[in-house]
N, C-alpha and C. Protein backbone atom coordinates (compact mmCIF):
# COMPACT_ATOMS: atom_id res chain seq x y z
N UNK A 1 -154.98 -129.90 -158.81
CA UNK A 1 -154.93 -128.60 -158.23
C UNK A 1 -153.57 -128.35 -157.60
N UNK A 2 -152.95 -129.39 -157.19
CA UNK A 2 -151.62 -129.28 -156.62
C UNK A 2 -150.63 -128.76 -157.66
N UNK A 3 -150.79 -129.20 -158.95
CA UNK A 3 -149.92 -128.72 -160.01
C UNK A 3 -150.14 -127.25 -160.27
N UNK A 4 -151.35 -126.81 -160.13
CA UNK A 4 -151.69 -125.42 -160.35
C UNK A 4 -151.08 -124.56 -159.27
N UNK A 5 -151.06 -125.01 -158.06
CA UNK A 5 -150.51 -124.26 -156.95
C UNK A 5 -149.00 -124.12 -157.12
N UNK A 6 -148.36 -125.18 -157.57
CA UNK A 6 -146.90 -125.13 -157.77
C UNK A 6 -146.57 -124.14 -158.86
N UNK A 7 -147.38 -124.11 -159.93
CA UNK A 7 -147.16 -123.19 -161.03
C UNK A 7 -147.37 -121.75 -160.58
N UNK A 8 -148.36 -121.51 -159.76
CA UNK A 8 -148.63 -120.16 -159.25
C UNK A 8 -147.51 -119.70 -158.34
N UNK A 9 -146.99 -120.62 -157.53
CA UNK A 9 -145.89 -120.28 -156.63
C UNK A 9 -144.64 -119.93 -157.44
N UNK A 10 -144.44 -120.67 -158.52
CA UNK A 10 -143.27 -120.43 -159.38
C UNK A 10 -143.37 -119.06 -160.04
N UNK A 11 -144.59 -118.75 -160.53
CA UNK A 11 -144.79 -117.43 -161.14
C UNK A 11 -144.62 -116.31 -160.13
N UNK A 12 -145.09 -116.51 -158.94
CA UNK A 12 -144.97 -115.49 -157.89
C UNK A 12 -143.50 -115.27 -157.52
N UNK A 13 -142.74 -116.35 -157.42
CA UNK A 13 -141.32 -116.23 -157.10
C UNK A 13 -140.58 -115.52 -158.22
N UNK A 14 -140.94 -115.87 -159.48
CA UNK A 14 -140.31 -115.20 -160.63
C UNK A 14 -140.63 -113.72 -160.64
N UNK A 15 -141.86 -113.35 -160.38
CA UNK A 15 -142.28 -111.94 -160.36
C UNK A 15 -141.57 -111.19 -159.24
N UNK A 16 -141.42 -111.83 -158.08
CA UNK A 16 -140.74 -111.18 -156.96
C UNK A 16 -139.27 -110.95 -157.28
N UNK A 17 -138.65 -111.93 -157.93
CA UNK A 17 -137.24 -111.79 -158.31
C UNK A 17 -137.06 -110.68 -159.33
N UNK A 18 -137.96 -110.61 -160.32
CA UNK A 18 -137.88 -109.57 -161.35
C UNK A 18 -138.07 -108.18 -160.72
N UNK A 19 -139.02 -108.07 -159.81
CA UNK A 19 -139.26 -106.78 -159.14
C UNK A 19 -138.05 -106.36 -158.32
N UNK A 20 -137.44 -107.30 -157.64
CA UNK A 20 -136.25 -106.99 -156.84
C UNK A 20 -135.10 -106.52 -157.73
N UNK A 21 -134.96 -107.16 -158.90
CA UNK A 21 -133.89 -106.77 -159.83
C UNK A 21 -134.13 -105.35 -160.34
N UNK A 22 -135.39 -105.00 -160.65
CA UNK A 22 -135.71 -103.65 -161.13
C UNK A 22 -135.44 -102.64 -160.04
N UNK A 23 -135.84 -102.94 -158.82
CA UNK A 23 -135.63 -102.00 -157.71
C UNK A 23 -134.14 -101.81 -157.42
N UNK A 24 -133.36 -102.85 -157.58
CA UNK A 24 -131.92 -102.75 -157.34
C UNK A 24 -131.24 -101.96 -158.45
N UNK A 25 -131.77 -102.02 -159.67
CA UNK A 25 -131.14 -101.34 -160.80
C UNK A 25 -131.51 -99.87 -160.87
N UNK A 26 -132.63 -99.45 -160.32
CA UNK A 26 -133.09 -98.06 -160.42
C UNK A 26 -132.07 -97.07 -159.87
N UNK A 27 -131.47 -97.28 -158.68
CA UNK A 27 -130.50 -96.30 -158.20
C UNK A 27 -129.26 -96.20 -159.08
N UNK A 28 -128.93 -97.25 -159.83
CA UNK A 28 -127.72 -97.25 -160.66
C UNK A 28 -127.93 -96.41 -161.91
N UNK A 29 -129.17 -96.35 -162.42
CA UNK A 29 -129.45 -95.58 -163.62
C UNK A 29 -129.20 -94.10 -163.31
N UNK A 30 -128.35 -93.46 -164.06
CA UNK A 30 -128.05 -92.04 -163.85
C UNK A 30 -127.02 -91.77 -162.78
N UNK A 31 -126.47 -92.81 -162.17
CA UNK A 31 -125.47 -92.60 -161.12
C UNK A 31 -124.15 -92.17 -161.75
N UNK A 32 -123.40 -91.36 -161.05
CA UNK A 32 -122.09 -90.90 -161.50
C UNK A 32 -121.05 -91.97 -161.19
N UNK A 33 -120.02 -92.01 -162.02
CA UNK A 33 -118.94 -92.95 -161.74
C UNK A 33 -118.15 -92.46 -160.55
N UNK A 34 -117.68 -93.37 -159.76
CA UNK A 34 -116.91 -93.02 -158.57
C UNK A 34 -115.47 -92.74 -158.96
N UNK A 35 -114.90 -91.69 -158.38
CA UNK A 35 -113.49 -91.38 -158.60
C UNK A 35 -112.72 -91.81 -157.36
N UNK A 36 -111.74 -92.62 -157.57
CA UNK A 36 -110.95 -93.13 -156.45
C UNK A 36 -110.10 -92.01 -155.86
N UNK A 37 -110.14 -91.87 -154.58
CA UNK A 37 -109.30 -90.93 -153.87
C UNK A 37 -108.09 -91.69 -153.34
N UNK A 38 -106.91 -91.09 -153.41
CA UNK A 38 -105.75 -91.81 -152.88
C UNK A 38 -105.93 -92.08 -151.39
N UNK A 39 -105.53 -93.24 -150.97
CA UNK A 39 -105.61 -93.55 -149.55
C UNK A 39 -104.26 -94.04 -149.09
N UNK A 40 -103.71 -93.58 -148.06
CA UNK A 40 -104.23 -92.42 -147.33
C UNK A 40 -104.04 -91.15 -148.15
N UNK A 41 -104.86 -90.12 -147.88
CA UNK A 41 -104.73 -88.88 -148.65
C UNK A 41 -103.34 -88.25 -148.41
N UNK A 42 -102.89 -87.49 -149.42
CA UNK A 42 -101.60 -86.81 -149.27
C UNK A 42 -101.65 -85.85 -148.09
N UNK A 43 -100.56 -85.73 -147.33
CA UNK A 43 -100.56 -84.80 -146.21
C UNK A 43 -100.56 -83.35 -146.72
N UNK A 44 -101.06 -82.43 -145.92
CA UNK A 44 -101.04 -81.02 -146.31
C UNK A 44 -99.60 -80.57 -146.59
N UNK A 45 -99.44 -79.64 -147.53
CA UNK A 45 -98.09 -79.17 -147.86
C UNK A 45 -98.11 -77.69 -148.23
N UNK A 46 -96.93 -77.06 -148.11
CA UNK A 46 -96.75 -75.65 -148.47
C UNK A 46 -95.50 -75.55 -149.31
N UNK A 47 -95.62 -74.92 -150.47
CA UNK A 47 -94.49 -74.71 -151.37
C UNK A 47 -94.37 -73.21 -151.63
N UNK A 48 -93.14 -72.68 -151.52
CA UNK A 48 -92.88 -71.26 -151.77
C UNK A 48 -92.00 -71.08 -152.99
N UNK A 49 -92.12 -69.94 -153.65
CA UNK A 49 -91.28 -69.65 -154.82
C UNK A 49 -89.85 -69.35 -154.40
N UNK A 50 -89.63 -68.95 -153.15
CA UNK A 50 -88.28 -68.65 -152.64
C UNK A 50 -88.32 -68.70 -151.12
N UNK A 51 -87.17 -68.96 -150.51
CA UNK A 51 -87.09 -68.92 -149.04
C UNK A 51 -86.28 -67.72 -148.57
N UNK A 52 -85.68 -66.99 -149.51
CA UNK A 52 -84.98 -65.73 -149.20
C UNK A 52 -85.52 -64.68 -150.15
N UNK A 53 -86.04 -63.59 -149.59
CA UNK A 53 -86.62 -62.52 -150.40
C UNK A 53 -86.16 -61.17 -149.87
N UNK A 54 -86.16 -60.18 -150.74
CA UNK A 54 -85.90 -58.80 -150.32
C UNK A 54 -87.21 -58.19 -149.85
N UNK A 55 -87.14 -57.37 -148.82
CA UNK A 55 -88.33 -56.64 -148.38
C UNK A 55 -88.84 -55.82 -149.56
N UNK A 56 -90.13 -55.89 -149.82
CA UNK A 56 -90.72 -55.19 -150.95
C UNK A 56 -90.94 -56.09 -152.16
N UNK A 57 -90.36 -57.30 -152.16
CA UNK A 57 -90.51 -58.23 -153.28
C UNK A 57 -91.75 -59.11 -153.10
N UNK A 58 -92.11 -59.80 -154.19
CA UNK A 58 -93.25 -60.72 -154.17
C UNK A 58 -92.81 -62.13 -153.82
N UNK A 59 -93.73 -62.87 -153.21
CA UNK A 59 -93.51 -64.27 -152.84
C UNK A 59 -94.75 -65.05 -153.26
N UNK A 60 -94.56 -66.09 -154.10
CA UNK A 60 -95.68 -66.93 -154.54
C UNK A 60 -95.71 -68.20 -153.71
N UNK A 61 -96.91 -68.76 -153.53
CA UNK A 61 -97.06 -69.95 -152.69
C UNK A 61 -98.16 -70.86 -153.22
N UNK A 62 -98.10 -72.13 -152.80
CA UNK A 62 -99.16 -73.11 -153.04
C UNK A 62 -99.31 -73.91 -151.76
N UNK A 63 -100.53 -73.99 -151.24
CA UNK A 63 -100.83 -74.76 -150.04
C UNK A 63 -101.90 -75.79 -150.34
N UNK A 64 -101.74 -77.01 -149.81
CA UNK A 64 -102.73 -78.07 -150.03
C UNK A 64 -103.24 -78.59 -148.69
N UNK A 65 -104.42 -79.23 -148.73
CA UNK A 65 -104.97 -79.86 -147.53
C UNK A 65 -106.07 -79.07 -146.86
N UNK A 66 -106.47 -77.95 -147.44
CA UNK A 66 -107.54 -77.15 -146.86
C UNK A 66 -108.89 -77.72 -147.27
N UNK A 67 -109.97 -77.28 -146.61
CA UNK A 67 -111.31 -77.69 -147.00
C UNK A 67 -111.61 -77.09 -148.37
N UNK A 68 -112.43 -77.77 -149.18
CA UNK A 68 -112.80 -77.20 -150.48
C UNK A 68 -113.45 -75.83 -150.32
N UNK A 69 -113.02 -74.87 -151.12
CA UNK A 69 -113.56 -73.50 -151.16
C UNK A 69 -113.41 -72.76 -149.83
N UNK A 70 -112.45 -73.15 -149.03
CA UNK A 70 -112.23 -72.54 -147.71
C UNK A 70 -111.48 -71.22 -147.84
N UNK A 71 -111.82 -70.26 -146.98
CA UNK A 71 -111.07 -69.01 -146.90
C UNK A 71 -109.75 -69.26 -146.18
N UNK A 72 -108.66 -68.71 -146.74
CA UNK A 72 -107.32 -68.91 -146.17
C UNK A 72 -106.65 -67.55 -146.07
N UNK A 73 -106.02 -67.28 -144.94
CA UNK A 73 -105.31 -66.02 -144.75
C UNK A 73 -103.80 -66.30 -144.76
N UNK A 74 -103.05 -65.40 -145.39
CA UNK A 74 -101.59 -65.50 -145.43
C UNK A 74 -101.02 -64.48 -144.46
N UNK A 75 -100.10 -64.93 -143.60
CA UNK A 75 -99.51 -64.06 -142.58
C UNK A 75 -97.99 -64.15 -142.62
N UNK A 76 -97.34 -63.08 -142.14
CA UNK A 76 -95.90 -63.07 -141.92
C UNK A 76 -95.70 -62.88 -140.43
N UNK A 77 -94.98 -63.80 -139.82
CA UNK A 77 -94.81 -63.75 -138.36
C UNK A 77 -93.37 -63.44 -137.99
N UNK A 78 -93.15 -62.76 -137.16
CA UNK A 78 -92.67 -62.47 -135.87
C UNK A 78 -93.76 -61.55 -135.33
N UNK A 79 -93.86 -60.35 -135.89
CA UNK A 79 -95.04 -59.52 -135.61
C UNK A 79 -96.07 -59.97 -136.65
N UNK A 80 -97.27 -60.33 -136.23
CA UNK A 80 -98.23 -60.79 -137.25
C UNK A 80 -98.57 -59.67 -138.25
N UNK A 81 -98.29 -59.94 -139.51
CA UNK A 81 -98.61 -59.02 -140.60
C UNK A 81 -99.49 -59.78 -141.58
N UNK A 82 -100.73 -59.31 -141.77
CA UNK A 82 -101.64 -59.98 -142.71
C UNK A 82 -101.21 -59.58 -144.12
N UNK A 83 -100.89 -60.59 -144.93
CA UNK A 83 -100.41 -60.35 -146.29
C UNK A 83 -101.52 -60.47 -147.32
N UNK A 84 -102.62 -61.16 -146.98
CA UNK A 84 -103.72 -61.30 -147.93
C UNK A 84 -104.68 -62.39 -147.56
N UNK A 85 -105.84 -62.38 -148.23
CA UNK A 85 -106.88 -63.41 -148.06
C UNK A 85 -107.05 -64.11 -149.39
N UNK A 86 -107.21 -65.42 -149.32
CA UNK A 86 -107.32 -66.24 -150.52
C UNK A 86 -108.41 -67.29 -150.30
N UNK A 87 -108.81 -67.98 -151.38
CA UNK A 87 -109.82 -69.03 -151.28
C UNK A 87 -109.27 -70.30 -151.92
N UNK A 88 -109.37 -71.40 -151.18
CA UNK A 88 -108.95 -72.70 -151.70
C UNK A 88 -109.90 -73.12 -152.82
N UNK A 89 -109.39 -73.90 -153.77
CA UNK A 89 -110.24 -74.41 -154.84
C UNK A 89 -111.03 -75.62 -154.36
N UNK A 90 -111.75 -76.27 -155.27
CA UNK A 90 -112.61 -77.39 -154.88
C UNK A 90 -111.82 -78.60 -154.40
N UNK A 91 -110.51 -78.62 -154.64
CA UNK A 91 -109.65 -79.71 -154.15
C UNK A 91 -108.96 -79.35 -152.83
N UNK A 92 -109.19 -78.14 -152.33
CA UNK A 92 -108.54 -77.72 -151.08
C UNK A 92 -107.15 -77.13 -151.29
N UNK A 93 -106.83 -76.74 -152.53
CA UNK A 93 -105.53 -76.14 -152.84
C UNK A 93 -105.69 -74.63 -152.97
N UNK A 94 -104.78 -73.89 -152.35
CA UNK A 94 -104.80 -72.43 -152.45
C UNK A 94 -103.47 -71.99 -153.05
N UNK A 95 -103.55 -71.06 -154.00
CA UNK A 95 -102.36 -70.50 -154.64
C UNK A 95 -102.48 -68.99 -154.63
N UNK A 96 -101.33 -68.33 -154.57
CA UNK A 96 -101.37 -66.87 -154.62
C UNK A 96 -99.98 -66.26 -154.58
N UNK A 97 -99.97 -64.94 -154.61
CA UNK A 97 -98.74 -64.16 -154.54
C UNK A 97 -98.98 -63.02 -153.57
N UNK A 98 -98.03 -62.81 -152.67
CA UNK A 98 -98.10 -61.72 -151.70
C UNK A 98 -96.86 -60.84 -151.86
N UNK A 99 -96.94 -59.63 -151.35
CA UNK A 99 -95.79 -58.73 -151.34
C UNK A 99 -95.30 -58.61 -149.90
N UNK A 100 -94.01 -58.87 -149.70
CA UNK A 100 -93.41 -58.69 -148.38
C UNK A 100 -93.23 -57.18 -148.19
N UNK A 101 -93.82 -56.60 -147.13
CA UNK A 101 -93.74 -55.13 -146.97
C UNK A 101 -92.29 -54.63 -146.95
N UNK A 102 -92.08 -53.44 -147.54
CA UNK A 102 -90.74 -52.84 -147.60
C UNK A 102 -90.16 -52.58 -146.22
N UNK A 103 -91.03 -52.33 -145.26
CA UNK A 103 -90.57 -51.99 -143.91
C UNK A 103 -90.35 -53.21 -143.02
N UNK A 104 -90.44 -54.42 -143.59
CA UNK A 104 -90.22 -55.64 -142.81
C UNK A 104 -88.78 -55.69 -142.31
N UNK A 105 -88.62 -56.01 -141.01
CA UNK A 105 -87.27 -56.11 -140.44
C UNK A 105 -86.50 -57.24 -141.12
N UNK A 106 -85.24 -56.99 -141.45
CA UNK A 106 -84.43 -58.07 -142.04
C UNK A 106 -84.26 -59.21 -141.03
N UNK A 107 -84.11 -60.42 -141.55
CA UNK A 107 -83.88 -61.58 -140.67
C UNK A 107 -84.83 -62.72 -140.97
N UNK A 108 -84.90 -63.67 -140.02
CA UNK A 108 -85.72 -64.86 -140.16
C UNK A 108 -87.16 -64.56 -139.76
N UNK A 109 -88.08 -65.05 -140.57
CA UNK A 109 -89.52 -64.88 -140.32
C UNK A 109 -90.22 -66.19 -140.65
N UNK A 110 -91.51 -66.27 -140.32
CA UNK A 110 -92.33 -67.43 -140.65
C UNK A 110 -93.46 -66.97 -141.56
N UNK A 111 -93.58 -67.64 -142.72
CA UNK A 111 -94.71 -67.42 -143.62
C UNK A 111 -95.76 -68.45 -143.23
N UNK A 112 -97.01 -68.03 -143.03
CA UNK A 112 -98.05 -68.90 -142.50
C UNK A 112 -99.33 -68.79 -143.32
N UNK A 113 -99.95 -69.92 -143.62
CA UNK A 113 -101.29 -69.99 -144.19
C UNK A 113 -102.21 -70.60 -143.15
N UNK A 114 -103.39 -69.99 -142.93
CA UNK A 114 -104.32 -70.51 -141.92
C UNK A 114 -105.71 -70.59 -142.51
N UNK A 115 -106.31 -71.79 -142.45
CA UNK A 115 -107.67 -72.01 -142.94
C UNK A 115 -108.70 -71.49 -141.96
N UNK A 116 -109.71 -70.82 -142.48
CA UNK A 116 -110.73 -70.21 -141.62
C UNK A 116 -111.60 -71.28 -140.94
N UNK A 117 -112.07 -72.27 -141.70
CA UNK A 117 -112.97 -73.29 -141.13
C UNK A 117 -112.18 -74.46 -140.54
N UNK A 118 -111.22 -74.98 -141.29
CA UNK A 118 -110.49 -76.17 -140.84
C UNK A 118 -109.47 -75.86 -139.75
N UNK A 119 -109.09 -74.59 -139.64
CA UNK A 119 -108.04 -74.16 -138.69
C UNK A 119 -106.68 -74.77 -139.04
N UNK A 120 -106.56 -75.37 -140.24
CA UNK A 120 -105.29 -75.93 -140.69
C UNK A 120 -104.28 -74.80 -140.85
N UNK A 121 -103.09 -74.98 -140.30
CA UNK A 121 -102.02 -74.00 -140.48
C UNK A 121 -100.83 -74.68 -141.14
N UNK A 122 -100.30 -74.03 -142.16
CA UNK A 122 -99.10 -74.48 -142.86
C UNK A 122 -98.08 -73.36 -142.74
N UNK A 123 -96.83 -73.69 -142.44
CA UNK A 123 -95.83 -72.63 -142.27
C UNK A 123 -94.50 -73.04 -142.86
N UNK A 124 -93.68 -72.03 -143.17
CA UNK A 124 -92.33 -72.24 -143.68
C UNK A 124 -91.47 -71.07 -143.22
N UNK A 125 -90.21 -71.35 -142.92
CA UNK A 125 -89.26 -70.31 -142.53
C UNK A 125 -88.77 -69.61 -143.78
N UNK A 126 -88.69 -68.27 -143.71
CA UNK A 126 -88.12 -67.49 -144.80
C UNK A 126 -87.14 -66.48 -144.22
N UNK A 127 -86.23 -66.01 -145.05
CA UNK A 127 -85.29 -64.97 -144.66
C UNK A 127 -85.61 -63.74 -145.49
N UNK A 128 -85.77 -62.60 -144.79
CA UNK A 128 -86.05 -61.34 -145.47
C UNK A 128 -84.78 -60.49 -145.42
N UNK A 129 -84.34 -60.05 -146.59
CA UNK A 129 -83.17 -59.16 -146.67
C UNK A 129 -83.67 -57.72 -146.69
N UNK A 130 -82.79 -56.77 -146.34
CA UNK A 130 -83.21 -55.36 -146.32
C UNK A 130 -83.68 -54.90 -147.70
N UNK A 131 -84.59 -53.95 -147.68
CA UNK A 131 -85.09 -53.37 -148.93
C UNK A 131 -83.97 -52.56 -149.56
N UNK A 132 -83.64 -52.91 -150.79
CA UNK A 132 -82.63 -52.15 -151.54
C UNK A 132 -83.36 -51.50 -152.71
N UNK A 133 -83.40 -50.17 -152.71
CA UNK A 133 -84.09 -49.52 -153.83
C UNK A 133 -83.40 -49.86 -155.15
N UNK A 134 -84.17 -50.16 -156.14
CA UNK A 134 -83.62 -50.47 -157.45
C UNK A 134 -83.43 -49.16 -158.21
N UNK A 135 -82.22 -48.94 -158.70
CA UNK A 135 -81.94 -47.73 -159.46
C UNK A 135 -82.47 -47.89 -160.88
N UNK A 136 -82.93 -46.79 -161.42
CA UNK A 136 -83.45 -46.84 -162.78
C UNK A 136 -82.30 -47.04 -163.77
N UNK A 137 -82.56 -47.80 -164.80
CA UNK A 137 -81.58 -47.99 -165.86
C UNK A 137 -81.74 -46.83 -166.83
N UNK A 138 -80.71 -45.96 -166.87
CA UNK A 138 -80.80 -44.76 -167.71
C UNK A 138 -80.08 -44.94 -169.03
N UNK A 139 -79.65 -46.14 -169.30
CA UNK A 139 -78.99 -46.37 -170.59
C UNK A 139 -77.55 -46.77 -170.41
N UNK A 140 -76.73 -46.36 -171.38
CA UNK A 140 -75.33 -46.75 -171.43
C UNK A 140 -74.52 -46.08 -170.32
N UNK A 141 -73.58 -46.82 -169.77
CA UNK A 141 -72.70 -46.27 -168.74
C UNK A 141 -71.50 -45.62 -169.43
N UNK A 142 -71.39 -44.29 -169.33
CA UNK A 142 -70.30 -43.55 -169.98
C UNK A 142 -69.36 -42.93 -168.97
N UNK A 143 -69.39 -43.42 -167.73
CA UNK A 143 -68.56 -42.81 -166.69
C UNK A 143 -67.08 -42.97 -166.97
N UNK A 144 -66.64 -44.10 -167.53
CA UNK A 144 -65.21 -44.27 -167.82
C UNK A 144 -64.76 -43.31 -168.92
N UNK A 145 -65.62 -43.06 -169.90
CA UNK A 145 -65.30 -42.10 -170.96
C UNK A 145 -65.15 -40.70 -170.39
N UNK A 146 -66.07 -40.32 -169.52
CA UNK A 146 -65.99 -38.99 -168.90
C UNK A 146 -64.77 -38.87 -168.01
N UNK A 147 -64.46 -39.90 -167.25
CA UNK A 147 -63.30 -39.89 -166.37
C UNK A 147 -62.01 -39.78 -167.18
N UNK A 148 -61.93 -40.53 -168.27
CA UNK A 148 -60.76 -40.46 -169.15
C UNK A 148 -60.61 -39.09 -169.78
N UNK A 149 -61.71 -38.49 -170.18
CA UNK A 149 -61.67 -37.14 -170.76
C UNK A 149 -61.20 -36.11 -169.75
N UNK A 150 -61.70 -36.22 -168.51
CA UNK A 150 -61.29 -35.28 -167.46
C UNK A 150 -59.80 -35.43 -167.17
N UNK A 151 -59.30 -36.67 -167.11
CA UNK A 151 -57.87 -36.89 -166.86
C UNK A 151 -57.04 -36.31 -168.01
N UNK A 152 -57.51 -36.48 -169.24
CA UNK A 152 -56.80 -35.93 -170.40
C UNK A 152 -56.71 -34.42 -170.34
N UNK A 153 -57.79 -33.76 -169.94
CA UNK A 153 -57.79 -32.30 -169.82
C UNK A 153 -56.83 -31.84 -168.73
N UNK A 154 -56.76 -32.59 -167.62
CA UNK A 154 -55.82 -32.22 -166.55
C UNK A 154 -54.37 -32.31 -167.04
N UNK A 155 -54.05 -33.38 -167.77
CA UNK A 155 -52.70 -33.56 -168.30
C UNK A 155 -52.38 -32.44 -169.29
N UNK A 156 -53.34 -32.13 -170.16
CA UNK A 156 -53.14 -31.07 -171.14
C UNK A 156 -52.94 -29.72 -170.46
N UNK A 157 -53.72 -29.45 -169.43
CA UNK A 157 -53.59 -28.18 -168.69
C UNK A 157 -52.26 -28.09 -167.97
N UNK A 158 -51.84 -29.19 -167.35
CA UNK A 158 -50.55 -29.19 -166.66
C UNK A 158 -49.40 -28.99 -167.64
N UNK A 159 -49.49 -29.64 -168.79
CA UNK A 159 -48.45 -29.47 -169.83
C UNK A 159 -48.39 -28.05 -170.34
N UNK A 160 -49.52 -27.43 -170.52
CA UNK A 160 -49.58 -26.04 -170.99
C UNK A 160 -48.96 -25.12 -169.96
N UNK A 161 -49.25 -25.33 -168.68
CA UNK A 161 -48.70 -24.48 -167.61
C UNK A 161 -47.17 -24.60 -167.59
N UNK A 162 -46.68 -25.83 -167.75
CA UNK A 162 -45.23 -26.02 -167.74
C UNK A 162 -44.57 -25.34 -168.94
N UNK A 163 -45.21 -25.39 -170.09
CA UNK A 163 -44.67 -24.75 -171.30
C UNK A 163 -44.64 -23.24 -171.15
N UNK A 164 -45.68 -22.68 -170.55
CA UNK A 164 -45.73 -21.23 -170.34
C UNK A 164 -44.64 -20.80 -169.38
N UNK A 165 -44.37 -21.53 -168.31
CA UNK A 165 -43.35 -21.17 -167.35
C UNK A 165 -41.96 -21.25 -167.98
N UNK A 166 -41.72 -22.23 -168.82
CA UNK A 166 -40.42 -22.36 -169.47
C UNK A 166 -40.18 -21.18 -170.43
N UNK A 167 -41.20 -20.75 -171.11
CA UNK A 167 -41.04 -19.62 -172.02
C UNK A 167 -40.72 -18.36 -171.27
N UNK A 168 -41.34 -18.17 -170.11
CA UNK A 168 -41.09 -16.95 -169.32
C UNK A 168 -39.66 -16.95 -168.81
N UNK A 169 -39.13 -18.07 -168.48
CA UNK A 169 -37.76 -18.16 -167.95
C UNK A 169 -36.72 -18.02 -169.06
N UNK A 170 -37.06 -18.25 -170.28
CA UNK A 170 -36.11 -18.16 -171.39
C UNK A 170 -36.10 -16.82 -171.95
């Protein structure tokens, strides 16, 4: 009977081990593979398409480090001017293009992105130049031709006047 008890104990231990292996494997079935995140994570950053812009022109930007799908507002500071609202993607990156208002005072300003939930703020100094209206391109420039023609007519007129005066005196 002692041999029987040892055999039963062996079977029970084997069954317990098999059950533990099945229970340990169940959570792994259907599990997603893990994606390694860089450690430490990259610091938040702001990149602009230009640091000097004319008032009325567009400025493109990319900001990183926001919460996934977070609302982000773009501002122009000295006087706070809201330039637009944007949404970060699932990686916390926000991209967009804003227009610097035509009436913006020339000089140094701060471009700012601010996250609604994270309160993360990213900023960069920019220089705004005065708004210069762009003239329409009307085609070929013929001003030198017209100026030359006008000068030729003046010379011809002066020569004619001198010839007429000489004839009167003769």
